[in-house]
C-alpha atoms as a PDB file:
ATOM      1  CA  MET A   1      10.570 -32.131 -14.046  1.00  0.00           C
ATOM      2  CA  GLY A   2       9.018 -29.371 -11.971  1.00  0.00           C
ATOM      3  CA  ARG A   3       7.375 -29.465  -8.588  1.00  0.00           C
ATOM      4  CA  PRO A   4       4.403 -31.809  -8.170  1.00  0.00           C
ATOM      5  CA  ALA A   5       2.070 -29.043  -6.873  1.00  0.00           C
ATOM      6  CA  GLY A   6      -1.310 -29.407  -8.570  1.00  0.00           C
ATOM      7  CA  LYS A   7      -0.390 -32.694 -10.269  1.00  0.00           C
ATOM      8  CA  ARG A   8      -2.122 -36.024  -9.710  1.00  0.00           C
ATOM      9  CA  ILE A   9       0.059 -38.835  -8.428  1.00  0.00           C
ATOM     10  CA  LEU A  10      -0.733 -42.558  -8.079  1.00  0.00           C
ATOM     11  CA  VAL A  11       1.249 -44.172  -5.250  1.00  0.00           C
ATOM     12  CA  THR A  12       1.194 -47.963  -5.281  1.00  0.00           C
ATOM     13  CA  GLY A  13       2.181 -49.747  -2.098  1.00  0.00           C
ATOM     14  CA  ALA A  14       1.140 -46.749  -0.003  1.00  0.00           C
ATOM     15  CA  GLY A  15       0.310 -49.082   2.887  1.00  0.00           C
ATOM     16  CA  GLY A  16       4.005 -49.805   3.410  1.00  0.00           C
ATOM     17  CA  ASP A  17       6.620 -47.614   5.045  1.00  0.00           C
ATOM     18  CA  LEU A  18       8.285 -46.457   1.829  1.00  0.00           C
ATOM     19  CA  GLY A  19       5.024 -45.942  -0.062  1.00  0.00           C
ATOM     20  CA  SER A  20       3.479 -43.896   2.736  1.00  0.00           C
ATOM     21  CA  ALA A  21       6.628 -41.754   2.957  1.00  0.00           C
ATOM     22  CA  VAL A  22       6.455 -41.111  -0.802  1.00  0.00           C
ATOM     23  CA  ALA A  23       2.761 -40.212  -0.538  1.00  0.00           C
ATOM     24  CA  ARG A  24       3.405 -37.821   2.369  1.00  0.00           C
ATOM     25  CA  ALA A  25       6.221 -36.143   0.432  1.00  0.00           C
ATOM     26  CA  TYR A  26       4.015 -35.563  -2.619  1.00  0.00           C
ATOM     27  CA  LEU A  27       1.165 -34.292  -0.452  1.00  0.00           C
ATOM     28  CA  ALA A  28       3.546 -31.911   1.322  1.00  0.00           C
ATOM     29  CA  GLU A  29       4.530 -30.541  -2.095  1.00  0.00           C
ATOM     30  CA  GLY A  30       0.882 -29.850  -2.980  1.00  0.00           C
ATOM     31  CA  ALA A  31       0.055 -32.827  -5.204  1.00  0.00           C
ATOM     32  CA  LYS A  32      -3.242 -34.702  -5.247  1.00  0.00           C
ATOM     33  CA  VAL A  33      -2.563 -38.340  -4.406  1.00  0.00           C
ATOM     34  CA  VAL A  34      -4.356 -41.642  -4.968  1.00  0.00           C
ATOM     35  CA  LEU A  35      -3.111 -44.178  -2.420  1.00  0.00           C
ATOM     36  CA  THR A  36      -3.306 -47.848  -3.388  1.00  0.00           C
ATOM     37  CA  SER A  37      -2.460 -50.954  -1.418  1.00  0.00           C
ATOM     38  CA  ARG A  38      -3.646 -54.516  -0.965  1.00  0.00           C
ATOM     39  CA  GLY A  39      -4.982 -53.737   2.507  1.00  0.00           C
ATOM     40  CA  PRO A  40      -7.259 -50.784   3.169  1.00  0.00           C
ATOM     41  CA  THR A  41      -6.489 -50.119   6.848  1.00  0.00           C
ATOM     42  CA  ARG A  42      -3.179 -48.248   6.594  1.00  0.00           C
ATOM     43  CA  ILE A  43      -4.018 -46.258   3.476  1.00  0.00           C
ATOM     44  CA  GLU A  44      -7.395 -45.176   4.867  1.00  0.00           C
ATOM     45  CA  ALA A  45      -5.628 -43.918   7.996  1.00  0.00           C
ATOM     46  CA  LEU A  46      -3.026 -42.140   5.861  1.00  0.00           C
ATOM     47  CA  ALA A  47      -5.664 -40.526   3.639  1.00  0.00           C
ATOM     48  CA  GLY A  48      -7.559 -39.451   6.763  1.00  0.00           C
ATOM     49  CA  ASP A  49      -4.574 -37.297   7.763  1.00  0.00           C
ATOM     50  CA  PHE A  50      -5.102 -35.082   4.702  1.00  0.00           C
ATOM     51  CA  ASP A  51      -7.788 -33.051   2.957  1.00  0.00           C
ATOM     52  CA  PRO A  52     -10.115 -35.539   1.197  1.00  0.00           C
ATOM     53  CA  LYS A  53      -9.901 -33.360  -1.925  1.00  0.00           C
ATOM     54  CA  ARG A  54      -6.174 -34.126  -2.073  1.00  0.00           C
ATOM     55  CA  ALA A  55      -5.835 -37.750  -0.931  1.00  0.00           C
ATOM     56  CA  ILE A  56      -8.034 -40.776  -1.562  1.00  0.00           C
ATOM     57  CA  ALA A  57      -7.463 -44.427  -0.686  1.00  0.00           C
ATOM     58  CA  LEU A  58      -8.200 -47.360  -3.019  1.00  0.00           C
ATOM     59  CA  SER A  59      -7.607 -50.916  -1.893  1.00  0.00           C
ATOM     60  CA  SER A  60      -6.704 -53.190  -4.779  1.00  0.00           C
ATOM     61  CA  VAL A  61      -5.765 -56.791  -5.395  1.00  0.00           C
ATOM     62  CA  ALA A  62      -4.193 -58.029  -8.604  1.00  0.00           C
ATOM     63  CA  VAL A  63      -5.249 -61.548  -9.554  1.00  0.00           C
ATOM     64  CA  ARG A  64      -4.317 -63.916 -12.300  1.00  0.00           C
ATOM     65  CA  PRO A  65      -7.048 -65.082 -14.637  1.00  0.00           C
ATOM     66  CA  ALA A  66      -8.129 -68.680 -14.182  1.00  0.00           C
ATOM     67  CA  ALA A  67      -6.148 -71.197 -16.217  1.00  0.00           C
ATOM     68  CA  GLY A  68      -7.737 -72.414 -19.428  1.00  0.00           C
ATOM     69  CA  ARG A  69      -9.527 -69.216 -20.333  1.00  0.00           C
END
């Protein structure tokens, strides 16, 4: 696999230490990154450190469907 420059990368868990380090590494290599996490605070701060054309933050929560459906 080549360098991630110009590629689009989805980083789940970007609000944690490891996820934010992965996101920063991809951004440093020139990738465009979508940062996802259950809480918006840390990923919004992380995305704010970079060009908004290269990093966006999306808070997400996975839920189970209600029983009996």
